[in-house]
Amino acid sequence: MKRVQHIIHASAMLVASGLFAAPFDNWDKDGSGTLSRAEVPAPLQRNFDRVDANGDGLITREEDRIFRQKSRSTGDSTMSNRNRAIPANVKVHEDIAYVSEGSAVQKLDLFLPASPEEGEALPVIVFIHGGGWQNGSKTGGRIHLLPYVSSGRYAGVSVGYRLSGEAQWPAQIHDCKAAIRWIKANAKTHGLNADKIAVWGSSAGGHLVAMLGVTGEEDSRAQLEGTLGEHLEQNTRVSAVVDYFGPTSLLTMTDPASAGGHNAPHSPESRLIGGPIQENKAKATQASPLSWVTSEAAPFFVAHGTADRVVPFDQSTTMVEALKKVGVPVYFQQIKEGGHGRLDSAELVARRDAFLADYLLDQKSEIKEGELPAP
C-alpha cells in the first residue's frame, strides 16, 4: 500500500512540476478547453485548487502552463495561492449560514481587517465563484479578497451557492440574493456599509454577479429574489459589478469558434436550467443578464479575453452595448488574445482597483478602459 501511495504521489509531483506534460486533451472529454475537477484523474485532484489560480472551478491551458512553469522554477509542486494563510491583519469568520438549516453550501466566509481604518463603516467586496455552475466553492474567493481586506479599507465576503447538481435555476441567484440580504441585515454588527457593496465573479460567477447588478430593483423580486433566509425586508441592490467573462445571453452562446457545445443537453448551461437551452427558451432568457438590463443597473467593470473559446467574447460586447445604451456606467477591458481564465495584469488590476475605489470609497478615481495585452 505504501508503495502504491508513493507512486501516486510521485506521479502527481511529476505532472505538477512539468517533468512530463499533463495529457490535457485526453482529460478534456467535452472539448471545452478547460478541465473540471471531475475530468482530472482522482490521484491528481488534490493539486486541482493549486492549479486553478482564479478559483473559478476550472483549469485552463494557461493556468496549467503557468503552474507547471512556476513549479519548475521554484522546485515546489505544493505551492498554493488559493489556500494561502490568512495574514495577521485579517480576521476571518468562516462558514456563516445565510440560510438557517439550509444546504451545506449556503454559507459565506466573512473577511475583516484586524485594524480597519478609522472612520465610516467598511464597504464590502463580495466574491462569487465560477465553475460552470457545477463546480467550485467559496474557498476560491480567498485569494481575490485578501489583498483588499489587508488594506484596511474593505471587508470581503466569499459566497457559496447550490450547484446545478443539487438544484436548478433560479436556485443559484436565490442563494446569492439571500447572501446579500444577510450582509445588509448584519452590517451594523460587523461594521459594514450596507449601501456600499460590490460583487465580483468570473465565468459562471461573472454571470451571477451580472444578474445581481441588473435585478436589484422591485420589478424583479417576484421571479428572482426568492424567499430564502430571515431577512426578506432587505433589498438586494448592489453598488458595483466586476464581471470577468461571464455569460450574459444563454440562447446566443453558439459562436462557432467556441468548443463548449452550449446547446448540448449536458452543457453547463443546460444543466443549470434543467434541459437543453434551445428547448427551454423562456427559462434560458430569464437566466440571462442581458434580458434584465435597465437604466437602474449598477455600474459595471467588464473584462473578457478576445480569444475566449468557452464563453464567446461577444457575450460581453453585447452586454456592454446594452448597458451603455441605457446610460449605465460601464468600463470594458478587452484582453487581446486572452483566453478563458487568467486575465489579470498589473494594469488590469490597477483599473479594477480604481473602479472599486470610485464606487465604494467615493474617491473619484480615473477609471481607464480599453484593450490590454494578455498577461
Protein backbone atom coordinates (compact mmCIF):
# COMPACT_ATOMS: atom_id res chain seq x y z
CA MET A 1 0.00 0.00 0.00
CA LYS A 2 2.79 2.44 0.88
CA ARG A 3 4.47 1.69 -2.45
CA VAL A 4 1.24 2.44 -4.35
CA GLN A 5 0.79 5.70 -2.44
CA HIS A 6 4.39 6.63 -3.21
CA ILE A 7 3.87 6.02 -6.94
CA ILE A 8 0.66 8.09 -6.98
CA HIS A 9 2.37 10.89 -5.08
CA ALA A 10 5.39 10.81 -7.39
CA SER A 11 3.16 10.89 -10.48
CA ALA A 12 1.25 13.88 -9.15
CA MET A 13 4.51 15.66 -8.39
CA LEU A 14 5.88 14.97 -11.84
CA VAL A 15 2.77 16.28 -13.59
CA ALA A 16 2.60 19.34 -11.35
CA SER A 17 6.27 20.10 -11.81
CA GLY A 18 6.18 19.71 -15.56
CA LEU A 19 8.70 16.85 -15.83
CA PHE A 20 6.16 15.33 -18.13
CA ALA A 21 3.21 17.22 -19.58
CA ALA A 22 -0.28 16.59 -18.25
CA PRO A 23 -2.41 14.99 -21.01
CA PHE A 24 -4.76 17.96 -21.10
CA ASP A 25 -6.55 16.96 -24.30
CA ASN A 26 -7.15 13.41 -23.11
CA TRP A 27 -8.73 14.66 -19.91
CA ASP A 28 -10.78 17.38 -21.63
CA LYS A 29 -13.56 14.96 -22.59
CA ASP A 30 -16.13 17.59 -23.56
CA GLY A 31 -13.67 19.59 -25.67
CA SER A 32 -14.39 22.76 -23.70
CA GLY A 33 -10.76 23.83 -23.47
CA THR A 34 -10.94 23.65 -19.66
CA LEU A 35 -10.77 20.91 -17.06
CA SER A 36 -13.33 20.46 -14.31
CA ARG A 37 -12.37 18.67 -11.13
CA ALA A 38 -14.29 15.58 -12.29
CA GLU A 39 -12.24 15.39 -15.51
CA VAL A 40 -8.93 15.24 -13.68
CA PRO A 41 -7.83 11.73 -12.61
CA ALA A 42 -8.55 11.09 -8.94
CA PRO A 43 -4.89 10.77 -7.83
CA LEU A 44 -4.16 14.25 -9.20
CA GLN A 45 -7.26 16.04 -7.95
CA ARG A 46 -5.50 17.19 -4.80
CA ASN A 47 -3.47 19.57 -6.97
CA PHE A 48 -6.60 20.98 -8.60
CA ASP A 49 -7.04 24.00 -6.32
CA ARG A 50 -3.38 24.90 -6.71
CA VAL A 51 -3.56 24.98 -10.48
CA ASP A 52 -6.94 26.78 -10.58
CA ALA A 53 -5.35 30.18 -9.98
CA ASN A 54 -8.50 32.27 -10.32
CA GLY A 55 -10.62 29.92 -8.22
CA ASP A 56 -13.38 29.55 -10.81
CA GLY A 57 -13.57 25.76 -10.53
CA LEU A 58 -11.97 25.19 -13.95
CA ILE A 59 -8.37 24.78 -15.10
CA THR A 60 -7.47 26.47 -18.36
CA ARG A 61 -4.47 25.57 -20.51
CA GLU A 62 -2.85 28.82 -19.46
CA GLU A 63 -3.33 28.09 -15.75
CA ASP A 64 -1.89 24.62 -16.28
CA ARG A 65 1.11 26.01 -18.17
CA ILE A 66 1.82 28.77 -15.64
CA PHE A 67 1.55 26.42 -12.68
CA ARG A 68 3.96 23.90 -14.18
CA GLN A 69 6.34 26.68 -15.19
CA LYS A 70 6.35 28.12 -11.67
CA SER A 71 6.81 24.66 -10.20
CA ARG A 72 9.91 24.14 -12.33
CA SER A 73 11.37 27.49 -11.34
CA THR A 74 10.72 27.12 -7.60
CA GLY A 75 11.07 23.37 -7.20
CA ASP A 76 7.84 23.47 -5.19
CA SER A 77 4.92 21.49 -6.60
CA THR A 78 2.82 22.06 -3.48
CA MET A 79 2.69 25.85 -3.69
CA SER A 80 -0.82 27.24 -3.31
CA ASN A 81 -2.15 30.71 -3.91
CA ARG A 82 -5.73 29.78 -3.24
CA ASN A 83 -5.09 28.21 0.16
CA ARG A 84 -2.64 30.79 1.41
CA ALA A 85 -2.64 31.54 5.13
CA ILE A 86 -4.74 34.36 6.47
CA PRO A 87 -2.40 37.30 7.23
CA ALA A 88 -2.21 38.60 10.77
CA ASN A 89 -4.01 41.82 9.86
CA VAL A 90 -7.15 39.97 8.66
CA LYS A 91 -9.82 38.25 10.72
CA VAL A 92 -11.97 35.57 9.11
CA HIS A 93 -15.34 34.19 10.13
CA GLU A 94 -15.88 31.01 8.12
CA ASP A 95 -18.98 29.04 7.24
CA ILE A 96 -21.63 31.53 8.30
CA ALA A 97 -25.04 30.20 7.29
CA TYR A 98 -27.05 32.82 5.40
CA VAL A 99 -29.99 30.38 5.28
CA SER A 100 -30.81 28.69 8.60
CA GLU A 101 -30.89 24.91 8.31
CA GLY A 102 -30.11 25.22 4.61
CA SER A 103 -27.79 23.32 2.31
CA ALA A 104 -24.20 22.73 3.37
CA VAL A 105 -23.08 25.21 0.70
CA GLN A 106 -25.48 28.01 1.61
CA LYS A 107 -22.77 29.64 3.67
CA LEU A 108 -20.36 32.54 3.38
CA ASP A 109 -16.92 33.47 4.66
CA LEU A 110 -16.51 36.98 6.08
CA PHE A 111 -13.09 38.67 5.99
CA LEU A 112 -12.49 41.76 8.11
CA PRO A 113 -9.42 43.94 8.70
CA ALA A 114 -7.99 43.30 12.15
CA SER A 115 -7.38 47.05 12.42
CA PRO A 116 -9.70 48.81 9.98
CA GLU A 117 -9.06 52.40 9.03
CA GLU A 118 -10.83 54.76 11.37
CA GLY A 119 -13.95 56.40 10.09
CA GLU A 120 -17.08 55.14 8.44
CA ALA A 121 -18.25 51.56 8.15
CA LEU A 122 -16.38 49.35 5.70
CA PRO A 123 -17.58 48.88 2.13
CA VAL A 124 -17.89 45.23 1.12
CA ILE A 125 -16.47 43.30 -1.82
CA VAL A 126 -18.43 40.09 -2.40
CA PHE A 127 -16.81 37.34 -4.47
CA ILE A 128 -18.93 34.66 -6.18
CA HIS A 129 -17.02 31.71 -7.58
CA GLY A 130 -17.28 30.20 -11.06
CA GLY A 131 -17.07 26.63 -12.28
CA GLY A 132 -19.85 26.28 -14.82
CA TRP A 133 -22.47 26.39 -12.03
CA GLN A 134 -21.48 22.77 -11.36
CA ASN A 135 -18.03 23.02 -9.76
CA GLY A 136 -16.11 25.29 -7.43
CA SER A 137 -16.65 26.55 -3.88
CA LYS A 138 -16.43 29.70 -1.81
CA THR A 139 -12.82 28.91 -0.86
CA GLY A 140 -11.87 30.21 -4.31
CA GLY A 141 -12.66 33.76 -3.22
CA ARG A 142 -9.92 34.00 -0.61
CA ILE A 143 -7.03 34.79 -2.94
CA HIS A 144 -9.04 37.59 -4.58
CA LEU A 145 -10.32 39.21 -1.41
CA LEU A 146 -7.30 39.16 0.91
CA PRO A 147 -5.35 42.00 -0.75
CA TYR A 148 -8.34 44.31 -0.44
CA VAL A 149 -9.15 43.36 3.15
CA SER A 150 -5.47 43.61 4.14
CA SER A 151 -5.51 47.25 3.07
CA GLY A 152 -7.86 48.03 5.96
CA ARG A 153 -10.27 49.82 3.64
CA TYR A 154 -12.63 46.99 2.69
CA ALA A 155 -14.40 43.96 4.10
CA GLY A 156 -14.68 40.84 1.97
CA VAL A 157 -17.29 38.10 1.64
CA SER A 158 -17.00 34.88 -0.35
CA VAL A 159 -20.33 33.20 -1.09
CA GLY A 160 -21.15 29.55 -1.59
CA TYR A 161 -24.27 28.60 -3.53
CA ARG A 162 -26.08 25.46 -4.65
CA LEU A 163 -24.57 23.95 -7.77
CA SER A 164 -26.61 22.60 -10.66
CA GLY A 165 -26.16 19.01 -9.49
CA GLU A 166 -28.10 19.91 -6.34
CA ALA A 167 -30.61 22.48 -7.57
CA GLN A 168 -31.53 24.15 -10.84
CA TRP A 169 -32.14 27.75 -11.79
CA PRO A 170 -33.19 30.07 -10.20
CA ALA A 171 -31.77 28.46 -7.04
CA GLN A 172 -28.33 29.96 -7.71
CA ILE A 173 -29.49 33.57 -7.88
CA HIS A 174 -31.85 33.00 -4.95
CA ASP A 175 -28.83 31.93 -2.90
CA CYS A 176 -26.73 34.91 -3.96
CA LYS A 177 -29.53 37.32 -3.15
CA ALA A 178 -30.09 35.70 0.24
CA ALA A 179 -26.39 36.23 0.97
CA ILE A 180 -26.64 39.92 0.01
CA ARG A 181 -29.65 40.29 2.32
CA TRP A 182 -27.67 38.65 5.16
CA ILE A 183 -24.81 41.10 4.66
CA LYS A 184 -27.15 44.08 4.80
CA ALA A 185 -29.06 42.79 7.83
CA ASN A 186 -25.84 42.14 9.75
CA ALA A 187 -23.93 45.21 8.59
CA LYS A 188 -24.01 47.08 11.90
CA THR A 189 -22.86 44.02 13.84
CA HIS A 190 -19.72 43.71 11.73
CA GLY A 191 -19.05 47.36 10.93
CA LEU A 192 -20.10 47.09 7.28
CA ASN A 193 -21.60 49.70 4.98
CA ALA A 194 -24.81 48.16 3.67
CA ASP A 195 -25.04 50.82 0.97
CA LYS A 196 -21.59 50.11 -0.49
CA ILE A 197 -21.46 46.55 -1.79
CA ALA A 198 -19.60 45.47 -4.92
CA VAL A 199 -19.99 41.98 -6.38
CA TRP A 200 -17.20 40.25 -8.30
CA GLY A 201 -17.03 36.94 -10.14
CA SER A 202 -15.57 35.14 -13.13
CA SER A 203 -17.22 32.85 -15.70
CA ALA A 204 -20.33 31.39 -14.01
CA GLY A 205 -19.57 33.72 -11.11
CA GLY A 206 -19.46 36.59 -13.60
CA HIS A 207 -22.91 35.56 -14.80
CA LEU A 208 -24.28 35.59 -11.24
CA VAL A 209 -22.79 38.97 -10.30
CA ALA A 210 -24.12 40.42 -13.55
CA MET A 211 -27.57 39.11 -12.59
CA LEU A 212 -27.24 40.80 -9.20
CA GLY A 213 -26.23 44.02 -10.89
CA VAL A 214 -29.26 44.19 -13.17
CA THR A 215 -32.00 42.76 -10.94
CA GLY A 216 -31.80 44.74 -7.73
CA GLU A 217 -34.97 46.72 -8.27
CA GLU A 218 -38.51 45.83 -7.22
CA ASP A 219 -39.68 44.71 -10.67
CA SER A 220 -37.52 41.59 -10.46
CA ARG A 221 -38.37 40.48 -6.94
CA ALA A 222 -41.22 38.12 -7.82
CA GLN A 223 -39.10 35.97 -10.13
CA LEU A 224 -35.55 36.20 -8.91
CA GLU A 225 -35.48 37.42 -5.31
CA GLY A 226 -36.64 34.16 -3.76
CA THR A 227 -37.79 33.75 -0.19
CA LEU A 228 -34.65 32.33 1.42
CA GLY A 229 -33.29 33.44 4.76
CA GLU A 230 -34.65 35.51 7.60
CA HIS A 231 -34.03 38.96 6.15
CA LEU A 232 -36.64 39.40 3.43
CA GLU A 233 -37.12 43.01 4.46
CA GLN A 234 -33.72 43.81 2.93
CA ASN A 235 -33.28 44.66 -0.75
CA THR A 236 -30.55 43.14 -2.93
CA ARG A 237 -29.31 46.23 -4.74
CA VAL A 238 -25.53 46.42 -5.16
CA SER A 239 -23.29 49.40 -5.84
CA ALA A 240 -20.96 47.95 -8.48
CA VAL A 241 -20.26 44.82 -10.52
CA VAL A 242 -16.90 43.31 -11.56
CA ASP A 243 -17.71 40.76 -14.27
CA TYR A 244 -14.90 38.65 -15.68
CA PHE A 245 -16.02 36.81 -18.86
CA GLY A 246 -19.47 35.90 -17.57
CA PRO A 247 -22.22 34.52 -19.87
CA THR A 248 -24.91 37.12 -20.45
CA SER A 249 -27.24 35.61 -23.07
CA LEU A 250 -27.56 31.83 -22.84
CA LEU A 251 -29.50 31.41 -26.08
CA THR A 252 -26.82 33.08 -28.18
CA MET A 253 -23.78 31.20 -26.85
CA THR A 254 -23.43 29.46 -30.21
CA ASP A 255 -20.32 31.14 -31.55
CA PRO A 256 -18.78 28.57 -33.95
CA ALA A 257 -15.36 29.38 -32.52
CA SER A 258 -16.48 28.08 -29.13
CA ALA A 259 -15.70 24.50 -28.17
CA GLY A 260 -18.28 24.47 -25.38
CA GLY A 261 -21.23 22.78 -27.08
CA HIS A 262 -23.55 25.17 -25.24
CA ASN A 263 -26.76 23.83 -26.80
CA ALA A 264 -25.99 20.21 -25.89
CA PRO A 265 -28.31 18.56 -23.35
CA HIS A 266 -25.49 18.14 -20.86
CA SER A 267 -23.76 21.50 -21.33
CA PRO A 268 -23.25 23.58 -18.17
CA GLU A 269 -25.97 25.98 -19.33
CA SER A 270 -28.44 23.18 -19.97
CA ARG A 271 -27.67 21.57 -16.62
CA LEU A 272 -28.22 24.94 -14.98
CA ILE A 273 -31.75 25.38 -16.27
CA GLY A 274 -32.74 21.70 -16.31
CA GLY A 275 -32.85 20.95 -20.03
CA PRO A 276 -31.40 21.90 -23.43
CA ILE A 277 -31.40 25.67 -23.56
CA GLN A 278 -32.91 25.89 -27.05
CA GLU A 279 -35.83 23.75 -25.85
CA ASN A 280 -36.30 25.84 -22.72
CA LYS A 281 -36.08 29.32 -24.15
CA ALA A 282 -38.21 31.09 -21.57
CA LYS A 283 -36.11 29.82 -18.68
CA ALA A 284 -32.86 30.45 -20.55
CA THR A 285 -33.99 34.01 -21.22
CA GLN A 286 -34.88 34.52 -17.58
CA ALA A 287 -31.40 33.29 -16.63
CA SER A 288 -29.68 35.77 -18.97
CA PRO A 289 -28.48 39.09 -17.50
CA LEU A 290 -28.95 40.75 -20.89
CA SER A 291 -32.71 40.25 -20.54
CA TRP A 292 -32.83 42.38 -17.40
CA VAL A 293 -30.78 45.44 -18.39
CA THR A 294 -32.40 48.75 -17.42
CA SER A 295 -31.12 52.20 -16.58
CA GLU A 296 -31.30 51.18 -12.89
CA ALA A 297 -28.45 48.64 -13.23
CA ALA A 298 -25.33 49.08 -11.13
CA PRO A 299 -22.10 50.33 -12.76
CA PHE A 300 -20.12 47.51 -14.45
CA PHE A 301 -16.42 46.73 -14.86
CA VAL A 302 -16.16 44.01 -17.53
CA ALA A 303 -13.03 42.07 -18.57
CA HIS A 304 -13.02 39.44 -21.32
CA GLY A 305 -10.39 37.77 -23.49
CA THR A 306 -10.91 38.19 -27.21
CA ALA A 307 -9.85 34.56 -27.81
CA ASP A 308 -12.09 33.01 -25.14
CA ARG A 309 -13.31 29.66 -26.52
CA VAL A 310 -15.54 28.83 -23.53
CA VAL A 311 -17.60 31.99 -23.15
CA PRO A 312 -17.60 33.79 -26.51
CA PHE A 313 -16.22 37.33 -26.42
CA ASP A 314 -19.45 38.74 -27.86
CA GLN A 315 -21.27 37.77 -24.65
CA SER A 316 -19.53 40.76 -23.09
CA THR A 317 -19.60 43.12 -26.06
CA THR A 318 -23.38 42.72 -26.37
CA MET A 319 -23.88 43.29 -22.65
CA VAL A 320 -21.64 46.35 -22.64
CA GLU A 321 -23.54 47.85 -25.58
CA ALA A 322 -26.87 47.27 -23.85
CA LEU A 323 -25.70 48.89 -20.63
CA LYS A 324 -24.27 51.90 -22.41
CA LYS A 325 -27.44 52.32 -24.44
CA VAL A 326 -29.48 52.94 -21.29
CA GLY A 327 -26.83 55.15 -19.68
CA VAL A 328 -25.28 52.76 -17.17
CA PRO A 329 -21.59 53.45 -16.47
CA VAL A 330 -19.55 50.55 -17.84
CA TYR A 331 -15.79 50.11 -18.26
CA PHE A 332 -14.86 47.44 -20.77
CA GLN A 333 -11.43 45.81 -20.71
CA GLN A 334 -10.71 43.76 -23.86
CA ILE A 335 -7.81 41.38 -23.27
CA LYS A 336 -6.22 40.88 -26.69
CA GLU A 337 -5.79 37.16 -27.46
CA GLY A 338 -6.78 36.37 -23.87
CA GLY A 339 -8.47 33.04 -23.25
CA HIS A 340 -10.88 31.82 -20.62
CA GLY A 341 -9.24 32.25 -17.27
CA ARG A 342 -6.19 34.13 -16.17
CA LEU A 343 -6.51 37.74 -17.37
CA ASP A 344 -5.05 39.87 -14.59
CA SER A 345 -2.05 42.03 -15.39
CA ALA A 346 -0.70 44.88 -13.30
CA GLU A 347 -2.60 47.36 -15.47
CA LEU A 348 -5.89 45.45 -15.32
CA VAL A 349 -5.64 45.18 -11.54
CA ALA A 350 -4.91 48.92 -11.32
CA ARG A 351 -8.01 49.66 -13.40
CA ARG A 352 -10.14 47.36 -11.24
CA ASP A 353 -8.76 48.98 -8.09
CA ALA A 354 -9.69 52.42 -9.41
CA PHE A 355 -13.21 51.23 -10.23
CA LEU A 356 -13.75 49.83 -6.74
CA ALA A 357 -12.25 52.90 -5.07
CA ASP A 358 -14.54 55.14 -7.09
CA TYR A 359 -17.80 53.33 -6.38
CA LEU A 360 -17.08 52.04 -2.86
CA LEU A 361 -14.77 54.67 -1.36
CA ASP A 362 -16.07 57.71 -3.30
CA GLN A 363 -12.51 58.59 -4.31
CA LYS A 364 -13.49 59.78 -7.79
CA SER A 365 -10.65 57.85 -9.35
CA GLU A 366 -9.83 57.92 -13.04
CA ILE A 367 -11.01 54.59 -14.42
CA LYS A 368 -9.32 53.58 -17.65
CA GLU A 369 -10.76 51.14 -20.16
CA GLY A 370 -9.84 49.63 -23.49
CA GLU A 371 -7.60 46.95 -24.93
CA LEU A 372 -4.85 45.31 -22.92
CA PRO A 373 -2.40 42.54 -23.85
CA ALA A 374 -2.90 39.11 -22.36
CA PRO A 375 -0.64 38.54 -19.33
